[in-house]
């Protein structure tokens, strides 16, 4: 009987299965799955806005101006999600925006990312978290983005001073589009619960 016990104790240890890391199963908690779903939803929203802008809205012009829906969606998500998560999202989304071919140039990465960080810090310092403060900061981000794009275009010779009114009209039209887009961003952000702490 003593021999049987020893044999059982010897064989109780089971070594890990051999295999590559790619073939192992990935175990995620429910909260991690919901967070992945939320950020996938935000990314999909920005891509849908980018597609809608390129396919439909670019054909509709009012006094030579059209909306900039992708920038609107990036600013909304970035400001809704807060400084840490929202700013990282804005940086990644601005990279996608640049490589989509719709952006006015590489300066959009700095304008969107730095604008999101700065406006998030401003909002968190001086205002309580509310729909009004998020929409106000979003509109400020859109206006500053369009005006700085215009000034950069003047500096490199891509546009002329007479087109300032068109850039201003683009900013106003895009700010108006932020209001119906905000409830959709808010709905997607509720997946997995609210994670912001201010």
Protein backbone atom coordinates (compact mmCIF):
# COMPACT_ATOMS: atom_id res chain seq x y z
CA UNK A 1 0.00 0.00 0.00
CA UNK A 2 2.87 2.37 0.72
CA UNK A 3 4.17 1.82 -2.78
CA UNK A 4 0.81 2.77 -4.29
CA UNK A 5 0.72 6.05 -2.36
CA UNK A 6 4.17 6.99 -3.53
CA UNK A 7 3.28 6.28 -7.12
CA UNK A 8 0.18 8.47 -6.88
CA UNK A 9 2.16 11.33 -5.41
CA UNK A 10 4.79 11.03 -8.09
CA UNK A 11 2.22 11.22 -10.88
CA UNK A 12 0.08 14.03 -9.41
CA UNK A 13 2.18 16.69 -11.13
CA UNK A 14 1.13 17.20 -14.73
CA UNK A 15 3.38 19.28 -16.97
CA UNK A 16 1.91 22.05 -19.13
CA UNK A 17 0.91 21.14 -22.62
CA UNK A 18 3.41 21.96 -25.25
CA UNK A 19 2.29 24.28 -27.99
CA UNK A 20 2.75 27.75 -29.41
CA UNK A 21 1.24 30.84 -27.83
CA UNK A 22 -0.92 31.43 -30.90
CA UNK A 23 -2.72 28.15 -30.41
CA UNK A 24 -3.48 28.63 -26.71
CA UNK A 25 -6.96 29.81 -25.81
CA UNK A 26 -7.34 33.39 -24.71
CA UNK A 27 -9.41 33.67 -21.54
CA UNK A 28 -11.13 37.02 -21.02
CA UNK A 29 -13.35 38.10 -18.19
CA UNK A 30 -16.81 39.47 -18.90
CA UNK A 31 -15.64 43.03 -18.23
CA UNK A 32 -12.68 42.63 -20.60
CA UNK A 33 -14.99 41.35 -23.35
CA UNK A 34 -17.32 44.31 -22.81
CA UNK A 35 -14.42 46.77 -22.92
CA UNK A 36 -13.21 45.24 -26.19
CA UNK A 37 -16.75 45.51 -27.55
CA UNK A 38 -16.97 49.17 -26.48
CA UNK A 39 -13.69 50.20 -28.11
CA UNK A 40 -14.53 48.19 -31.23
CA UNK A 41 -17.84 50.06 -31.35
CA UNK A 42 -16.07 53.41 -31.07
CA UNK A 43 -13.65 52.45 -33.82
CA UNK A 44 -16.47 51.24 -36.03
CA UNK A 45 -18.37 54.48 -35.45
CA UNK A 46 -15.37 56.52 -36.60
CA UNK A 47 -14.90 54.34 -39.67
CA UNK A 48 -18.60 54.61 -40.54
CA UNK A 49 -18.40 58.41 -40.17
CA UNK A 50 -15.30 58.47 -42.35
CA UNK A 51 -17.05 56.38 -45.01
CA UNK A 52 -20.20 58.49 -44.80
CA UNK A 53 -18.09 61.62 -45.18
CA UNK A 54 -16.22 60.30 -48.22
CA UNK A 55 -19.17 58.72 -50.01
CA UNK A 56 -22.12 61.00 -49.30
CA UNK A 57 -21.22 64.21 -47.50
CA UNK A 58 -18.32 65.09 -49.79
CA UNK A 59 -20.85 65.33 -52.64
CA UNK A 60 -23.13 67.68 -50.70
CA UNK A 61 -21.66 71.17 -50.50
CA UNK A 62 -23.11 74.35 -49.05
CA UNK A 63 -21.27 77.45 -50.29
CA UNK A 64 -18.25 75.28 -51.08
CA UNK A 65 -18.13 73.71 -47.60
CA UNK A 66 -18.95 70.25 -46.31
CA UNK A 67 -18.80 68.56 -42.92
CA UNK A 68 -15.85 66.75 -41.34
CA UNK A 69 -17.64 63.85 -39.66
CA UNK A 70 -14.58 61.72 -38.89
CA UNK A 71 -12.95 64.54 -36.92
CA UNK A 72 -16.24 65.17 -35.12
CA UNK A 73 -16.52 61.50 -34.08
CA UNK A 74 -12.87 61.33 -32.95
CA UNK A 75 -13.20 64.45 -30.80
CA UNK A 76 -16.50 63.26 -29.31
CA UNK A 77 -15.17 59.84 -28.33
CA UNK A 78 -11.86 61.26 -27.10
CA UNK A 79 -13.55 63.85 -24.91
CA UNK A 80 -16.24 61.50 -23.62
CA UNK A 81 -13.76 58.83 -22.54
CA UNK A 82 -11.45 61.13 -20.59
CA UNK A 83 -7.80 62.06 -20.72
CA UNK A 84 -6.07 58.66 -20.49
CA UNK A 85 -8.27 56.46 -22.66
CA UNK A 86 -9.75 59.15 -24.88
CA UNK A 87 -6.42 60.68 -25.80
CA UNK A 88 -4.94 57.34 -26.77
CA UNK A 89 -8.04 56.61 -28.84
CA UNK A 90 -7.77 60.02 -30.53
CA UNK A 91 -4.14 59.35 -31.43
CA UNK A 92 -4.88 55.92 -32.94
CA UNK A 93 -8.01 57.17 -34.72
CA UNK A 94 -6.11 60.14 -36.17
CA UNK A 95 -3.53 57.71 -37.56
CA UNK A 96 -6.33 55.74 -39.24
CA UNK A 97 -7.79 59.03 -40.49
CA UNK A 98 -4.41 60.02 -41.96
CA UNK A 99 -3.87 56.70 -43.72
CA UNK A 100 -7.44 56.62 -45.06
CA UNK A 101 -6.48 59.33 -47.54
CA UNK A 102 -9.23 61.73 -46.41
CA UNK A 103 -7.16 63.84 -44.07
CA UNK A 104 -5.66 67.15 -45.16
CA UNK A 105 -2.19 65.99 -44.14
CA UNK A 106 0.00 64.61 -41.38
CA UNK A 107 -0.67 67.66 -39.22
CA UNK A 108 -4.08 66.17 -38.40
CA UNK A 109 -2.38 63.69 -36.01
CA UNK A 110 -0.94 66.49 -33.88
CA UNK A 111 -4.02 68.71 -34.14
CA UNK A 112 -6.47 65.99 -33.11
CA UNK A 113 -4.30 64.30 -30.47
CA UNK A 114 -3.01 67.46 -28.80
CA UNK A 115 -6.43 69.09 -29.07
CA UNK A 116 -8.07 66.14 -27.34
CA UNK A 117 -5.50 66.08 -24.52
CA UNK A 118 -5.68 69.85 -23.99
CA UNK A 119 -9.46 70.05 -24.05
CA UNK A 120 -9.80 67.04 -21.77
CA UNK A 121 -7.48 68.64 -19.23
CA UNK A 122 -9.32 71.96 -19.53
CA UNK A 123 -12.70 70.31 -19.08
CA UNK A 124 -11.60 68.18 -16.13
CA UNK A 125 -9.98 71.17 -14.41
CA UNK A 126 -12.76 73.74 -14.71
CA UNK A 127 -16.05 71.92 -15.38
CA UNK A 128 -18.02 69.00 -14.03
CA UNK A 129 -18.58 66.10 -16.38
CA UNK A 130 -21.77 66.81 -18.29
CA UNK A 131 -23.16 66.63 -21.79
CA UNK A 132 -22.86 70.39 -22.14
CA UNK A 133 -19.19 70.53 -21.20
CA UNK A 134 -18.32 67.62 -23.50
CA UNK A 135 -20.21 69.15 -26.45
CA UNK A 136 -18.75 72.59 -25.78
CA UNK A 137 -15.20 71.18 -25.73
CA UNK A 138 -15.94 69.12 -28.84
CA UNK A 139 -17.08 72.22 -30.72
CA UNK A 140 -14.01 74.12 -29.48
CA UNK A 141 -11.81 71.27 -30.70
CA UNK A 142 -13.47 71.20 -34.11
CA UNK A 143 -13.19 74.98 -34.57
CA UNK A 144 -9.54 75.03 -33.49
CA UNK A 145 -8.78 72.02 -35.73
CA UNK A 146 -10.31 73.68 -38.80
CA UNK A 147 -8.71 77.06 -38.16
CA UNK A 148 -5.25 75.59 -37.50
CA UNK A 149 -5.62 73.47 -40.64
CA UNK A 150 -6.42 76.65 -42.55
CA UNK A 151 -3.37 78.46 -41.12
CA UNK A 152 -1.16 75.47 -41.91
CA UNK A 153 -2.55 75.46 -45.47
CA UNK A 154 -1.70 79.17 -45.80
CA UNK A 155 1.81 78.54 -44.46
CA UNK A 156 2.59 75.75 -46.95
CA UNK A 157 0.73 77.42 -49.83
CA UNK A 158 -2.15 74.94 -50.20
CA UNK A 159 -4.92 77.51 -49.77
CA UNK A 160 -5.56 81.25 -49.92
CA UNK A 161 -6.88 83.78 -47.38
CA UNK A 162 -10.19 84.13 -49.26
CA UNK A 163 -11.12 80.57 -48.28
CA UNK A 164 -11.22 81.41 -44.54
CA UNK A 165 -15.02 81.67 -44.67
CA UNK A 166 -15.24 78.16 -46.15
CA UNK A 167 -13.13 76.73 -43.33
CA UNK A 168 -15.29 78.58 -40.78
CA UNK A 169 -18.43 77.20 -42.41
CA UNK A 170 -16.98 73.66 -42.30
CA UNK A 171 -16.32 74.13 -38.58
CA UNK A 172 -19.88 75.37 -37.92
CA UNK A 173 -21.50 72.56 -39.94
CA UNK A 174 -19.34 69.94 -38.21
CA UNK A 175 -20.22 71.37 -34.79
CA UNK A 176 -23.91 71.07 -35.65
CA UNK A 177 -23.33 67.41 -36.58
CA UNK A 178 -21.81 66.77 -33.13
CA UNK A 179 -25.20 67.17 -31.42
CA UNK A 180 -27.01 64.23 -33.10
CA UNK A 181 -23.82 62.13 -32.93
CA UNK A 182 -23.37 62.60 -29.17
CA UNK A 183 -26.19 60.22 -28.04
CA UNK A 184 -24.69 57.45 -30.16
CA UNK A 185 -21.25 57.94 -28.59
CA UNK A 186 -22.86 58.00 -25.15
CA UNK A 187 -24.74 54.76 -25.88
CA UNK A 188 -21.60 52.96 -27.05
CA UNK A 189 -19.65 54.25 -24.03
CA UNK A 190 -22.15 52.69 -21.64
CA UNK A 191 -21.11 49.20 -22.74
CA UNK A 192 -19.27 47.69 -19.80
CA UNK A 193 -20.33 50.45 -17.40
CA UNK A 194 -18.89 53.87 -16.76
CA UNK A 195 -15.17 53.68 -16.05
CA UNK A 196 -14.34 57.39 -15.68
CA UNK A 197 -13.38 58.77 -12.31
CA UNK A 198 -13.27 62.54 -12.01
